[in-house]
Protein backbone atom coordinates (compact mmCIF):
# COMPACT_ATOMS: atom_id res chain seq x y z
CA MET A 1 0.00 0.00 0.00
CA PRO A 2 1.44 3.43 -0.93
CA GLU A 3 2.55 5.64 1.92
CA THR A 4 -0.02 8.30 2.75
CA LYS A 5 0.82 11.85 3.75
CA THR A 6 -0.87 13.99 6.34
CA PRO A 7 -3.00 16.51 4.47
CA PRO A 8 -3.04 20.12 5.69
CA PRO A 9 -6.28 21.24 7.33
CA VAL A 10 -8.94 22.73 5.06
CA ARG A 11 -11.97 24.68 6.21
CA ILE A 12 -14.82 25.71 3.97
CA ASP A 13 -16.62 29.04 4.40
CA PRO A 14 -20.31 28.29 5.12
CA ALA A 15 -21.31 31.93 4.62
CA ARG A 16 -19.68 31.96 1.20
CA LEU A 17 -21.52 28.76 0.27
CA GLN A 18 -24.87 30.20 1.35
CA ALA A 19 -24.23 33.39 -0.59
CA MET A 20 -23.70 31.29 -3.70
CA MET A 21 -26.90 29.34 -3.05
CA GLU A 22 -28.88 32.54 -2.67
CA GLY A 23 -27.28 34.05 -5.75
CA VAL A 24 -28.03 31.23 -8.16
CA CYS A 25 -31.54 30.45 -6.86
CA VAL A 26 -32.72 33.83 -8.15
CA PHE A 27 -32.81 32.23 -11.60
CA GLY A 28 -36.09 30.32 -11.76
CA GLY A 29 -36.82 30.56 -8.04
CA GLY A 30 -40.29 31.28 -6.69
CA SER A 31 -41.42 32.90 -3.46
CA ASP A 32 -42.68 29.57 -2.07
CA GLY A 33 -39.30 27.85 -2.34
CA ALA A 34 -40.08 26.34 -5.73
CA LEU A 35 -37.53 26.24 -8.52
CA THR A 36 -38.39 25.89 -12.19
CA ARG A 37 -35.17 25.95 -14.18
CA LEU A 38 -35.70 23.59 -17.08
CA THR A 39 -32.57 22.66 -18.94
CA LEU A 40 -31.45 25.14 -21.62
CA SER A 41 -34.28 27.53 -20.74
CA ARG A 42 -33.72 31.27 -20.30
CA GLU A 43 -33.41 30.71 -16.54
CA ASP A 44 -30.90 27.92 -17.05
CA GLY A 45 -28.90 30.19 -19.32
CA GLN A 46 -28.86 32.87 -16.64
CA ALA A 47 -27.67 30.37 -14.01
CA ARG A 48 -24.97 29.15 -16.39
CA ASP A 49 -23.83 32.73 -17.03
CA TRP A 50 -23.65 33.27 -13.27
CA LEU A 51 -21.52 30.13 -12.88
CA ALA A 52 -19.21 31.05 -15.77
CA ALA A 53 -18.67 34.47 -14.19
CA TRP A 54 -17.87 32.78 -10.86
CA PHE A 55 -15.33 30.53 -12.59
CA SER A 56 -13.57 33.49 -14.19
CA ALA A 57 -13.62 35.54 -10.99
CA HIS A 58 -11.99 32.74 -8.99
CA GLY A 59 -9.31 31.62 -11.42
CA LEU A 60 -11.05 28.62 -12.99
CA THR A 61 -11.02 28.31 -16.77
CA PRO A 62 -14.59 28.14 -18.16
CA LYS A 63 -15.23 25.51 -20.82
CA VAL A 64 -18.33 24.23 -22.62
CA ASP A 65 -18.48 21.10 -24.76
CA ALA A 66 -20.71 20.35 -27.75
CA ILE A 67 -23.67 19.09 -25.69
CA GLY A 68 -23.48 22.14 -23.42
CA ASN A 69 -21.85 20.54 -20.40
CA GLN A 70 -20.24 23.39 -18.47
CA PHE A 71 -16.86 23.06 -16.76
CA GLY A 72 -14.51 25.16 -14.68
CA ASP A 73 -10.93 23.87 -14.78
CA LEU A 74 -8.40 24.57 -12.03
CA GLU A 75 -4.93 23.43 -13.01
CA LEU A 76 -2.95 23.13 -9.80
CA ALA A 77 -0.64 20.25 -10.67
CA GLY A 78 0.17 21.06 -14.30
CA PRO A 79 -0.44 19.31 -17.62
CA GLY A 80 -0.52 15.53 -17.51
CA ALA A 81 -1.46 15.34 -13.85
CA PRO A 82 -4.66 13.48 -12.93
CA THR A 83 -7.91 15.46 -12.77
CA VAL A 84 -10.58 15.06 -10.11
CA MET A 85 -13.93 16.38 -11.32
CA VAL A 86 -16.65 17.42 -8.89
CA GLY A 87 -20.16 18.67 -9.57
CA SER A 88 -23.76 17.93 -10.46
CA HIS A 89 -26.41 19.91 -12.41
CA LEU A 90 -28.23 23.24 -12.30
CA ASP A 91 -31.38 22.22 -14.18
CA SER A 92 -34.50 21.38 -12.18
CA GLN A 93 -37.86 19.74 -12.45
CA PRO A 94 -40.88 21.97 -13.12
CA ASN A 95 -42.04 23.32 -9.75
CA GLY A 96 -39.14 21.45 -8.18
CA GLY A 97 -36.80 22.23 -5.30
CA ARG A 98 -33.70 24.36 -4.91
CA PHE A 99 -31.15 21.84 -3.65
CA ASP A 100 -31.38 18.87 -6.03
CA GLY A 101 -28.34 19.27 -8.27
CA THR A 102 -27.61 22.89 -7.40
CA LEU A 103 -26.04 22.01 -4.06
CA GLY A 104 -23.64 19.63 -5.80
CA VAL A 105 -22.39 22.27 -8.23
CA LEU A 106 -21.95 24.99 -5.62
CA ALA A 107 -20.43 22.63 -3.04
CA ALA A 108 -17.88 21.67 -5.70
CA CYS A 109 -17.03 25.35 -6.21
CA GLU A 110 -16.65 25.99 -2.47
CA ALA A 111 -14.70 22.79 -1.75
CA ILE A 112 -12.22 23.31 -4.58
CA LEU A 113 -11.74 26.98 -3.67
CA SER A 114 -11.12 26.06 -0.01
CA VAL A 115 -8.61 23.37 -0.94
CA ARG A 116 -6.67 25.81 -3.11
CA GLU A 117 -6.65 28.37 -0.30
CA ALA A 118 -5.41 25.78 2.21
CA LEU A 119 -2.68 24.56 -0.12
CA ASP A 120 -1.53 28.13 -0.75
CA ALA A 121 -1.50 28.88 2.99
CA ALA A 122 0.63 25.78 3.62
CA GLY A 123 2.93 26.48 0.68
CA LEU A 124 2.17 23.08 -0.85
CA ALA A 125 1.62 21.94 -4.41
CA SER A 126 -1.29 19.72 -5.42
CA ALA A 127 -0.87 16.20 -6.77
CA CYS A 128 -3.88 16.65 -9.04
CA ASN A 129 -5.92 19.16 -10.98
CA PHE A 130 -9.58 19.87 -10.26
CA ALA A 131 -12.64 20.68 -12.31
CA VAL A 132 -16.24 21.66 -11.55
CA ALA A 133 -18.95 20.16 -13.77
CA ASN A 134 -22.50 21.34 -14.49
CA TRP A 135 -24.08 18.62 -16.63
CA THR A 136 -26.75 19.31 -19.26
CA ASN A 137 -30.25 17.86 -18.88
CA GLU A 138 -29.72 15.65 -15.87
CA GLU A 139 -33.40 15.84 -14.98
CA GLY A 140 -34.89 14.81 -18.30
CA ALA A 141 -37.89 17.06 -17.70
CA ARG A 142 -37.67 19.03 -20.94
CA PHE A 143 -35.72 16.62 -23.15
CA GLN A 144 -35.64 12.85 -22.85
CA PRO A 145 -33.74 10.84 -21.79
CA SER A 146 -32.34 12.13 -18.52
CA LEU A 147 -28.57 12.20 -17.89
CA LEU A 148 -28.25 13.35 -21.51
CA GLY A 149 -25.16 15.53 -21.15
CA SER A 150 -23.17 13.09 -19.06
CA SER A 151 -24.19 10.22 -21.35
CA VAL A 152 -22.77 12.04 -24.37
CA PHE A 153 -19.64 12.91 -22.38
CA THR A 154 -18.99 9.25 -21.58
CA GLY A 155 -19.84 7.97 -25.06
CA ALA A 156 -23.02 6.19 -23.99
CA ALA A 157 -25.07 8.44 -26.30
CA GLU A 158 -24.17 9.84 -29.73
CA LEU A 159 -23.80 13.61 -29.93
CA ASP A 160 -25.85 14.05 -33.11
CA TRP A 161 -28.67 11.93 -31.69
CA ALA A 162 -28.65 13.92 -28.44
CA LEU A 163 -28.67 17.27 -30.24
CA ALA A 164 -31.71 16.17 -32.23
CA ARG A 165 -33.89 15.43 -29.15
CA ARG A 166 -37.01 17.62 -29.14
CA ASP A 167 -39.07 19.09 -26.33
CA GLY A 168 -42.85 19.31 -26.28
CA ASP A 169 -42.76 22.41 -28.46
CA GLY A 170 -40.59 20.76 -31.11
CA ILE A 171 -37.41 22.65 -30.16
CA THR A 172 -34.25 20.55 -30.46
CA VAL A 173 -31.42 20.43 -27.96
CA ALA A 174 -29.16 22.01 -30.59
CA GLU A 175 -31.58 24.90 -31.07
CA ALA A 176 -31.99 25.43 -27.33
CA LEU A 177 -28.21 25.45 -26.81
CA SER A 178 -27.79 28.10 -29.49
CA ARG A 179 -30.54 30.28 -28.04
CA ILE A 180 -28.80 30.59 -24.68
CA GLY A 181 -25.26 30.68 -26.09
CA TYR A 182 -24.06 27.31 -24.83
CA ALA A 183 -23.36 25.39 -28.04
CA GLY A 184 -19.76 24.81 -27.05
CA THR A 185 -16.73 23.48 -28.89
CA ASP A 186 -14.32 22.61 -26.06
CA ALA A 187 -12.92 19.10 -25.87
CA VAL A 188 -12.88 18.02 -22.21
CA PRO A 189 -11.20 14.69 -21.38
CA VAL A 190 -12.64 12.06 -19.06
CA PRO A 191 -11.43 12.76 -15.50
CA ASP A 192 -9.52 10.33 -13.32
CA ALA A 193 -12.31 10.43 -10.72
CA PHE A 194 -15.72 12.06 -10.31
CA ILE A 195 -17.43 13.00 -7.03
CA GLU A 196 -20.98 14.32 -6.70
CA LEU A 197 -22.54 15.70 -3.52
CA HIS A 198 -26.33 15.50 -3.45
CA ILE A 199 -29.27 15.65 -1.11
CA GLU A 200 -30.37 12.14 -0.24
CA GLY A 201 -33.83 12.38 -1.77
CA GLY A 202 -34.98 9.80 0.75
CA PRO A 203 -35.68 9.63 4.49
CA ILE A 204 -32.98 7.29 5.80
CA LEU A 205 -30.36 9.77 7.03
CA GLU A 206 -32.94 11.95 8.77
CA ARG A 207 -34.72 8.98 10.37
CA GLU A 208 -31.47 7.56 11.70
CA GLY A 209 -30.15 10.92 12.90
CA LEU A 210 -27.13 10.79 10.59
CA ARG A 211 -25.52 13.65 8.71
CA PHE A 212 -23.72 11.98 5.84
CA GLY A 213 -23.93 9.01 3.51
CA ALA A 214 -22.39 7.50 0.41
CA PHE A 215 -24.32 5.74 -2.31
CA THR A 216 -22.54 2.45 -2.80
CA ARG A 217 -24.94 1.03 -5.41
CA TYR A 218 -27.18 2.52 -8.08
CA TRP A 219 -30.40 0.93 -9.23
CA GLY A 220 -31.10 0.12 -12.83
CA ALA A 221 -33.98 1.68 -14.74
CA THR A 222 -36.05 0.75 -17.76
CA LYS A 223 -38.06 3.61 -19.24
CA TYR A 224 -40.75 3.26 -21.90
CA ARG A 225 -42.50 5.98 -23.85
CA LEU A 226 -45.67 4.15 -24.79
CA ALA A 227 -48.69 5.34 -26.77
CA PHE A 228 -52.15 3.83 -26.51
CA LEU A 229 -53.98 4.46 -29.79
CA GLY A 230 -57.77 4.72 -29.87
CA ARG A 231 -60.36 6.59 -31.91
CA GLN A 232 -61.45 10.16 -31.37
CA ALA A 233 -65.21 10.57 -30.83
CA HIS A 234 -67.84 12.70 -29.09
CA THR A 235 -68.30 11.79 -25.41
CA GLY A 236 -72.05 12.53 -25.65
CA PRO A 237 -73.69 10.54 -28.44
CA THR A 238 -71.01 7.87 -28.98
CA PRO A 239 -72.30 4.61 -27.41
CA MET A 240 -70.06 3.32 -24.63
CA ALA A 241 -69.61 -0.04 -26.34
CA GLU A 242 -68.32 1.64 -29.48
CA ARG A 243 -65.73 3.83 -27.82
CA ARG A 244 -62.02 3.18 -28.33
CA ASP A 245 -60.70 5.22 -25.41
CA ALA A 246 -56.91 5.45 -25.38
CA LEU A 247 -56.91 6.99 -21.91
CA LEU A 248 -58.88 4.05 -20.56
CA GLY A 249 -56.11 1.74 -21.74
CA ALA A 250 -53.61 3.95 -19.96
CA ALA A 251 -55.66 3.80 -16.76
CA TYR A 252 -55.73 0.02 -16.78
CA LEU A 253 -51.96 -0.15 -17.25
CA ILE A 254 -51.18 2.44 -14.56
CA ALA A 255 -53.19 0.46 -12.03
CA ASP A 256 -51.50 -2.80 -13.03
CA LEU A 257 -48.05 -1.25 -12.70
CA LYS A 258 -48.82 -0.17 -9.15
CA ALA A 259 -50.17 -3.62 -8.26
CA MET A 260 -47.05 -5.29 -9.66
CA VAL A 261 -44.75 -4.00 -6.92
CA ALA A 262 -46.57 -6.01 -4.25
CA ASP A 263 -44.73 -9.13 -5.48
CA TYR A 264 -41.25 -7.64 -4.99
CA GLY A 265 -41.26 -6.00 -1.57
CA LEU A 266 -38.89 -3.03 -1.55
CA ASP A 267 -36.95 -4.17 -4.62
CA LEU A 268 -39.09 -2.68 -7.39
CA HIS A 269 -40.41 0.82 -8.05
CA THR A 270 -42.81 1.60 -10.89
CA SER A 271 -44.30 4.86 -12.06
CA VAL A 272 -46.02 6.81 -14.80
CA GLY A 273 -44.84 10.33 -14.12
CA ARG A 274 -46.06 11.98 -17.30
CA LEU A 275 -49.17 11.49 -19.42
CA GLU A 276 -49.90 13.25 -22.70
CA VAL A 277 -53.51 12.98 -23.91
CA ARG A 278 -54.78 13.95 -27.34
CA PRO A 279 -56.86 15.84 -28.25
CA ASN A 280 -57.20 16.55 -24.49
CA SER A 281 -60.70 18.01 -24.70
CA PRO A 282 -63.37 17.50 -22.01
CA ASN A 283 -66.01 16.25 -24.43
CA THR A 284 -63.85 14.15 -26.74
CA VAL A 285 -62.91 10.50 -26.36
CA PRO A 286 -59.08 10.47 -26.31
CA SER A 287 -57.50 9.11 -29.48
CA GLU A 288 -54.01 8.92 -28.01
CA ALA A 289 -52.49 8.61 -24.56
CA VAL A 290 -48.71 8.68 -24.24
CA LEU A 291 -47.25 7.32 -21.00
CA PHE A 292 -43.74 7.87 -19.66
CA ILE A 293 -43.22 4.61 -17.76
CA GLU A 294 -40.41 3.78 -15.34
CA LEU A 295 -39.35 0.48 -13.81
CA ARG A 296 -36.51 0.69 -11.27
CA SER A 297 -34.67 -2.02 -9.34
CA GLY A 298 -31.26 -2.78 -7.93
CA SER A 299 -31.65 -6.36 -9.22
CA PRO A 300 -31.07 -6.96 -12.95
CA ALA A 301 -33.18 -10.14 -12.72
CA ILE A 302 -36.13 -8.30 -11.15
CA LEU A 303 -35.86 -5.50 -13.70
CA GLU A 304 -35.91 -8.01 -16.56
CA GLU A 305 -38.89 -9.85 -15.10
CA ALA A 306 -40.75 -6.59 -14.48
CA GLU A 307 -40.29 -5.60 -18.13
CA LEU A 308 -41.78 -8.91 -19.27
CA ARG A 309 -44.73 -8.30 -16.97
CA LEU A 310 -45.05 -4.75 -18.31
CA LYS A 311 -45.31 -6.09 -21.85
CA ALA A 312 -48.01 -8.54 -20.82
CA ALA A 313 -49.88 -5.80 -18.96
CA ILE A 314 -49.79 -3.59 -22.07
CA GLU A 315 -51.43 -6.32 -24.15
CA LEU A 316 -54.06 -6.90 -21.49
CA ALA A 317 -54.84 -3.18 -21.22
CA CYS A 318 -55.22 -2.96 -24.99
CA ALA A 319 -57.61 -5.89 -25.00
CA ARG A 320 -59.72 -4.50 -22.15
CA ALA A 321 -59.98 -1.01 -23.69
CA GLU A 322 -60.11 -2.29 -27.28
CA VAL A 323 -57.30 -0.01 -28.42
CA GLY A 324 -53.89 -0.44 -30.02
CA HIS A 325 -50.47 0.61 -28.81
CA GLU A 326 -47.06 1.74 -30.04
CA VAL A 327 -43.73 1.71 -28.17
CA ARG A 328 -42.01 4.95 -29.17
CA SER A 329 -38.79 4.69 -27.20
CA ILE A 330 -37.04 2.52 -24.63
CA ASP A 331 -34.19 3.70 -22.42
CA ARG A 332 -32.32 1.19 -20.27
CA ARG A 333 -29.81 1.93 -17.51
CA ALA A 334 -28.08 -0.99 -15.81
CA ALA A 335 -27.64 -1.33 -12.06
CA GLY A 336 -24.12 -1.29 -10.65
CA PRO A 337 -21.70 -0.33 -7.87
CA MET A 338 -20.06 2.99 -7.14
CA ALA A 339 -16.26 3.00 -6.78
CA PRO A 340 -15.30 1.27 -3.51
CA GLY A 341 -12.13 3.35 -3.21
CA LEU A 342 -14.10 6.58 -3.27
CA VAL A 343 -16.63 5.19 -0.80
CA ARG A 344 -13.82 4.36 1.60
CA LEU A 345 -12.26 7.76 1.06
CA ALA A 346 -15.63 9.29 1.98
CA GLU A 347 -15.68 7.15 5.13
CA ARG A 348 -12.20 8.36 6.04
CA ALA A 349 -13.13 12.02 5.54
CA GLY A 350 -16.44 11.53 7.34
CA ALA A 351 -14.73 9.96 10.33
CA ALA A 352 -12.33 12.91 10.50
CA ASN A 353 -15.43 15.09 10.88
CA GLY A 354 -16.90 12.89 13.59
CA THR A 355 -19.56 11.15 11.52
CA THR A 356 -20.46 7.67 10.37
CA THR A 357 -20.84 7.34 6.62
CA ARG A 358 -24.15 5.55 6.00
CA HIS A 359 -24.13 3.23 3.00
CA LEU A 360 -27.12 3.89 0.74
CA ASP A 361 -28.62 2.85 -2.58
CA THR A 362 -29.40 5.53 -5.12
CA ILE A 363 -32.68 4.67 -6.79
CA GLY A 364 -32.83 7.86 -8.84
CA GLY A 365 -30.29 8.52 -11.56
CA HIS A 366 -27.30 10.83 -11.12
CA ASP A 367 -24.61 11.99 -13.52
CA ALA A 368 -22.11 10.03 -11.44
CA VAL A 369 -23.91 6.90 -12.65
CA SER A 370 -22.96 7.83 -16.21
CA LEU A 371 -19.39 8.67 -15.18
CA SER A 372 -18.98 5.37 -13.35
CA ALA A 373 -18.70 3.63 -16.71
CA VAL A 374 -15.48 5.48 -17.56
CA CYS A 375 -13.81 6.41 -14.23
CA PRO A 376 -14.15 5.88 -10.47
CA ALA A 377 -17.27 7.76 -9.38
CA VAL A 378 -19.40 8.19 -6.28
CA VAL A 379 -22.41 10.14 -5.04
CA LEU A 380 -22.31 11.51 -1.49
CA ALA A 381 -25.48 12.38 0.42
CA VAL A 382 -26.66 14.83 3.05
CA PRO A 383 -30.12 14.67 4.67
CA CYS A 384 -33.17 16.39 3.24
CA ARG A 385 -36.20 17.17 5.38
CA GLY A 386 -38.79 14.42 5.21
CA GLY A 387 -36.90 12.77 2.38
CA VAL A 388 -38.67 15.18 0.01
CA MET A 389 -37.20 15.94 -3.42
CA HIS A 390 -38.67 17.32 -6.67
CA HIS A 391 -41.06 19.51 -4.68
CA PRO A 392 -41.01 23.15 -3.47
CA THR A 393 -40.70 21.98 0.15
CA GLU A 394 -37.41 20.21 -0.63
CA PHE A 395 -35.02 21.43 2.06
CA THR A 396 -31.54 20.77 3.40
CA SER A 397 -30.40 22.96 6.28
CA PRO A 398 -27.44 25.33 5.81
CA GLU A 399 -25.64 23.34 8.51
CA ASP A 400 -26.05 20.06 6.61
CA GLN A 401 -25.08 21.72 3.33
CA ALA A 402 -21.91 23.01 4.96
CA PHE A 403 -21.17 19.69 6.64
CA GLY A 404 -21.38 17.74 3.38
CA THR A 405 -19.26 20.35 1.63
CA GLN A 406 -16.65 20.10 4.40
CA VAL A 407 -16.41 16.33 4.03
CA LEU A 408 -16.12 16.80 0.27
CA ALA A 409 -13.32 19.33 0.75
CA ASP A 410 -11.47 16.93 3.04
CA MET A 411 -11.73 14.22 0.40
CA LEU A 412 -10.32 16.59 -2.21
CA MET A 413 -7.49 17.61 0.09
CA ILE A 414 -6.52 13.97 0.60
CA LEU A 415 -6.47 13.54 -3.18
CA ALA A 416 -4.47 16.77 -3.55
CA THR A 417 -1.95 15.39 -1.07
CA ASP A 418 -1.73 11.74 -2.16
CA GLY A 419 -3.10 11.86 -5.72
CA MET A 420 -4.87 8.84 -7.15
CA ALA A 421 -2.94 6.65 -4.71
CA ALA A 422 -5.52 7.74 -2.15
CA ILE A 423 -8.23 5.97 -4.12
CA GLU A 424 -6.10 2.95 -4.96
CA SER A 425 -5.08 2.47 -1.33
CA GLU A 426 -8.74 2.67 -0.37
CA GLY A 427 -9.76 -0.16 -2.66
CA GLY A 428 -9.78 1.16 -6.22
CA ARG A 429 -12.73 0.78 -8.53
CA SER A 430 -14.83 -2.34 -8.94
């Protein structure tokens, strides 16, 4: 095992972190705590401009790649040295919360800045370079699929295909990038490690009275965009027996998806989070109902079985409602582990701050899931009140934000001191 060095102390500035949070939440924020900052919207462009200005003001080099991923590079160790990338995303769900994603980007800024200040104060050089990342379209609310920017970055999705994705108004990703000035040309290499701080989005840390966790495993997901196809008709004179109601087929399937989870305990989540009905008129039998279906599990076998059951349920719903169907897209994301070396590094930094690092599963997707295919990656977690996420009441206290950012900064300082040997000595990547 390589010899480890004693890293110099690093202390983040909680007031500086909160000032950043307040500054960026102006863009898309509502008076009730809500945040609507859809990817590549005007508000997202404003938040990106704010972040680019922060990069320039604090000595980080702003970069933007062809899918609009935004980076701030801090070269402390020189060309050829390993790069540790830290960050998350600034886009939100419609009527979402202010901490999901945003905390991870701003915590990265604060942690990297604090590490540089501590190294300068100690007169020490860094063993690695750092970069902040703000990934495009993590949420998948405006353009599908989610994790679009990080998927292009890692090669899991083709750039031209991603740029051609359209929102509900027919605007492509390429068009939206151009409108806000973020159709970039910078080539950014894959980092040597990626770390993402996030609110838990679940209740475990709060229930157990813990302040910090690390996601050691990410669930897989299978996502269908499915259309039930019926026949448009008047809801008054059209006899019930002659109706071909696409929305009725959707209703049957939604109920069956909910019932399915009873056979799998806590190991399967299903949902239909979006429904598009045409012509969507009160007195017209729907001719089309488009469902955005999700199956999630940490078990590949359960996910495969659930998809087979979904297909059978679709056929049954069609037969009951006497309608047809069309599968318009399928997106699959495999389950897998986060990097054990980074998990153990988080445990080491957490212990130095007097906390136990709770091992967790991430059921939702994160950009670190995409990055885990090409480099060691991990998602760290701080509590959120009531486990609420994607809602205006989403909340993580300033104290917990600061605590997670401090642990992150300590992890970065260990890497700045020992380089990638810190990860290797902690167990490497599975």
